[in-house]
Structures are given as C-alpha cells and as structure tokens.
N, C-alpha and C. Protein backbone atom coordinates (compact mmCIF):
# COMPACT_ATOMS: atom_id res chain seq x y z
N MET A 1 -5.99 -21.59 -9.60
CA MET A 1 -5.46 -20.48 -9.18
C MET A 1 -4.63 -19.53 -10.20
N ALA A 2 -4.87 -18.53 -10.70
CA ALA A 2 -3.89 -17.71 -11.68
C ALA A 2 -2.90 -17.34 -10.82
N THR A 3 -1.77 -17.10 -11.42
CA THR A 3 -0.44 -16.62 -10.62
C THR A 3 -0.31 -15.32 -11.29
N SER A 4 0.36 -14.03 -10.31
CA SER A 4 0.44 -13.15 -10.82
C SER A 4 1.60 -12.72 -11.68
N THR A 5 1.57 -12.27 -12.76
CA THR A 5 2.76 -12.06 -13.73
C THR A 5 3.14 -11.04 -14.00
N CYS A 6 4.26 -10.13 -13.61
CA CYS A 6 4.85 -8.66 -14.43
C CYS A 6 4.49 -9.10 -15.78
N LEU A 7 3.95 -7.90 -16.21
CA LEU A 7 3.67 -7.80 -17.75
C LEU A 7 5.04 -7.00 -18.60
N LYS A 8 5.94 -6.65 -17.68
CA LYS A 8 7.20 -6.35 -18.68
C LYS A 8 7.99 -7.42 -18.70
N CYS A 9 8.33 -8.27 -17.45
CA CYS A 9 9.59 -9.20 -17.77
C CYS A 9 9.00 -10.89 -17.43
N GLY A 10 7.53 -10.97 -17.11
CA GLY A 10 7.23 -12.33 -16.83
C GLY A 10 7.42 -12.81 -15.47
N ASN A 11 8.01 -12.15 -14.77
CA ASN A 11 8.38 -12.66 -13.18
C ASN A 11 7.12 -12.97 -12.56
N HIS A 12 7.41 -13.97 -11.46
CA HIS A 12 6.22 -13.97 -10.58
C HIS A 12 6.25 -13.71 -9.35
N SER A 13 7.15 -12.93 -8.84
CA SER A 13 7.58 -12.59 -7.36
C SER A 13 7.62 -11.12 -7.39
N PHE A 14 6.92 -10.40 -6.45
CA PHE A 14 6.72 -8.89 -6.14
C PHE A 14 6.96 -8.80 -4.87
N GLU A 15 7.50 -7.19 -4.81
CA GLU A 15 7.71 -7.01 -3.19
C GLU A 15 7.18 -5.42 -3.05
N MET A 16 7.26 -4.87 -2.09
CA MET A 16 6.59 -3.82 -1.29
C MET A 16 8.11 -2.92 -1.11
N VAL A 17 8.00 -1.65 -1.60
CA VAL A 17 9.24 -0.39 -1.63
C VAL A 17 8.60 0.62 -0.92
N LEU A 18 8.90 1.14 0.02
CA LEU A 18 8.78 2.54 0.26
C LEU A 18 9.58 3.53 -0.47
N ASN A 19 8.73 4.73 -1.05
CA ASN A 19 9.36 5.78 -1.73
C ASN A 19 8.57 6.92 -1.41
N THR A 20 9.10 7.92 -1.49
CA THR A 20 8.34 9.61 -1.64
C THR A 20 8.50 10.11 -2.92
N PRO A 21 7.21 10.07 -3.84
CA PRO A 21 7.62 10.59 -5.41
C PRO A 21 8.17 11.76 -5.12
N ILE A 22 8.91 12.39 -6.24
CA ILE A 22 9.56 13.58 -6.26
C ILE A 22 8.23 14.66 -6.66
N GLY A 23 8.24 15.74 -5.98
CA GLY A 23 7.10 16.69 -5.86
C GLY A 23 6.28 16.19 -4.95
N SER A 24 6.23 15.14 -4.00
CA SER A 24 4.75 14.79 -2.94
C SER A 24 5.42 15.07 -1.54
N GLU A 25 4.84 15.01 -0.59
CA GLU A 25 5.13 15.22 0.57
C GLU A 25 4.62 14.06 1.69
N PHE A 26 4.26 13.08 0.86
CA PHE A 26 3.94 11.86 1.30
C PHE A 26 4.39 10.50 0.85
N LYS A 27 4.68 9.59 1.79
CA LYS A 27 5.47 8.49 1.31
C LYS A 27 4.05 7.55 0.66
N LEU A 28 4.83 6.48 0.00
CA LEU A 28 3.83 5.57 -0.63
C LEU A 28 4.35 4.24 -0.40
N TRP A 29 4.05 2.93 -0.61
CA TRP A 29 4.04 1.74 -0.78
C TRP A 29 3.78 1.49 -2.24
N PHE A 30 5.07 1.14 -3.03
CA PHE A 30 4.95 0.62 -4.07
C PHE A 30 5.01 -0.93 -4.16
N VAL A 31 4.07 -1.45 -4.77
CA VAL A 31 4.23 -2.80 -5.13
C VAL A 31 4.93 -3.14 -6.67
N GLN A 32 5.73 -3.73 -6.38
CA GLN A 32 6.60 -3.76 -7.65
C GLN A 32 7.44 -5.18 -8.03
N CYS A 33 7.71 -5.55 -9.41
CA CYS A 33 8.06 -6.69 -9.48
C CYS A 33 9.70 -6.92 -8.85
N SER A 34 9.85 -8.08 -8.43
CA SER A 34 11.07 -7.98 -7.52
C SER A 34 12.35 -8.15 -8.57
N GLN A 35 11.90 -8.61 -9.70
CA GLN A 35 13.35 -8.64 -10.68
C GLN A 35 13.41 -7.35 -11.55
N CYS A 36 12.44 -6.77 -12.12
CA CYS A 36 12.72 -5.52 -13.04
C CYS A 36 12.26 -4.45 -12.25
N GLY A 37 11.58 -4.53 -11.12
CA GLY A 37 11.05 -3.22 -10.69
C GLY A 37 10.07 -2.40 -11.17
N CYS A 38 9.31 -3.19 -12.09
CA CYS A 38 8.02 -2.55 -12.96
C CYS A 38 7.16 -2.47 -11.66
N VAL A 39 6.67 -1.15 -11.63
CA VAL A 39 5.51 -0.94 -10.46
C VAL A 39 4.17 -1.45 -10.84
N ILE A 40 3.60 -2.03 -10.25
CA ILE A 40 2.00 -2.03 -10.48
C ILE A 40 1.04 -1.96 -9.63
N GLY A 41 1.18 -1.36 -8.74
CA GLY A 41 0.54 -0.78 -8.08
C GLY A 41 1.16 0.28 -6.76
N THR A 42 -0.04 0.93 -5.83
CA THR A 42 0.84 1.66 -4.75
C THR A 42 -0.33 1.60 -3.62
N HIS A 43 0.39 1.94 -2.44
CA HIS A 43 -0.82 1.67 -1.32
C HIS A 43 0.10 3.03 -0.56
N GLU A 44 -1.15 3.56 0.18
CA GLU A 44 -0.59 4.88 1.18
C GLU A 44 -0.02 4.26 2.29
N PHE A 45 1.04 5.28 2.87
CA PHE A 45 1.89 4.89 3.86
C PHE A 45 1.23 4.57 5.19
N TYR A 46 0.21 5.57 5.47
CA TYR A 46 -0.43 5.28 6.83
C TYR A 46 -1.94 4.48 6.14
N SER A 47 -2.21 3.61 7.25
CA SER A 47 -3.68 2.91 6.79
C SER A 47 -4.55 4.10 7.55
N ILE A 48 -5.25 4.49 6.71
CA ILE A 48 -6.78 5.69 6.91
C ILE A 48 -7.28 5.26 8.08
N VAL A 49 -7.92 3.69 7.94
CA VAL A 49 -8.65 3.23 9.27
C VAL A 49 -7.84 3.19 10.60
N SER A 50 -6.64 2.82 10.51
CA SER A 50 -5.51 2.50 11.65
C SER A 50 -5.82 4.54 12.39
N VAL A 51 -5.49 5.19 11.55
CA VAL A 51 -5.56 6.80 11.95
C VAL A 51 -6.96 6.99 12.29
N ILE A 52 -8.05 6.66 11.66
CA ILE A 52 -9.47 7.06 12.07
C ILE A 52 -9.44 6.39 13.71
N LYS A 53 -9.58 4.95 13.54
CA LYS A 53 -9.58 4.35 14.93
C LYS A 53 -8.92 4.84 15.86
N ASN A 54 -7.60 5.43 15.96
CA ASN A 54 -6.61 6.08 16.92
C ASN A 54 -7.51 7.52 17.13
N LEU A 55 -7.63 8.26 16.18
CA LEU A 55 -8.39 9.17 16.83
C LEU A 55 -9.64 9.07 17.67
N ALA A 56 -10.27 7.90 17.27
CA ALA A 56 -11.64 7.85 17.83
C ALA A 56 -11.14 7.20 19.30
N ASP A 57 -10.57 6.43 19.41
CA ASP A 57 -9.78 5.90 20.71
C ASP A 57 -9.53 7.07 21.58
N LYS A 58 -8.79 7.98 20.97
CA LYS A 58 -8.57 9.31 21.81
C LYS A 58 -9.77 10.22 22.35
N LEU A 59 -10.60 10.24 21.43
CA LEU A 59 -11.92 11.04 21.73
C LEU A 59 -12.92 10.34 22.50
N ASN A 60 -12.73 9.28 22.59
CA ASN A 60 -13.60 8.17 23.53
C ASN A 60 -14.70 7.88 22.63
N ILE A 61 -14.82 7.70 21.55
CA ILE A 61 -15.93 7.33 20.42
C ILE A 61 -15.59 5.92 19.89
N GLU A 62 -16.98 5.32 20.00
CA GLU A 62 -16.81 3.57 19.63
C GLU A 62 -17.30 3.79 18.27
N LEU A 63 -16.41 3.05 17.47
CA LEU A 63 -16.86 2.93 16.21
C LEU A 63 -17.56 1.38 15.98
N THR A 64 -18.27 1.28 14.85
CA THR A 64 -18.65 0.27 14.59
C THR A 64 -18.66 -0.01 12.91
N PHE A 65 -18.23 -1.24 12.69
CA PHE A 65 -17.97 -1.54 11.29
C PHE A 65 -18.60 -2.64 10.82
N ASN A 66 -19.76 -2.40 10.07
CA ASN A 66 -20.29 -3.39 9.06
C ASN A 66 -19.90 -4.07 8.07
N THR A 67 -19.70 -5.37 8.09
CA THR A 67 -19.07 -6.06 6.95
C THR A 67 -20.05 -6.52 6.10
C-alpha cells in the first residue's frame, strides 16, 4: 500500500483543522500536513447526509440508500 506524502515537505502525517476562510460564512475542515500545514484537501463542516437524514426524521420520511 502506498503511503500518503506531503508534496511540499515530504511528511507522512496529516491532520484535520477547522477554519472559516476569509469572505466565507461557512466553516470548512482542512486536511493538512501536520508538519508544514500545506493544505491537501477540504471537507464541508456539516455532513449533508446527516442534515438530510435529520430533516427526513423530523418529517417522518423514510429514506432508502442503495449502495
């Protein structure tokens, strides 16, 4: 199996950091190198699947997920 490597410094350890970008109203999770902080990806703060499921539960709607 390949080991994930930071392209900037060569480190193999990463972390999730919560931040709100300048000019944004929404928080994002940044996946970044734990050594140099180089960002390699982002994820939304809220899981859209969780939000939809909570709304469906409140409206008594049964969801089915096909995988």
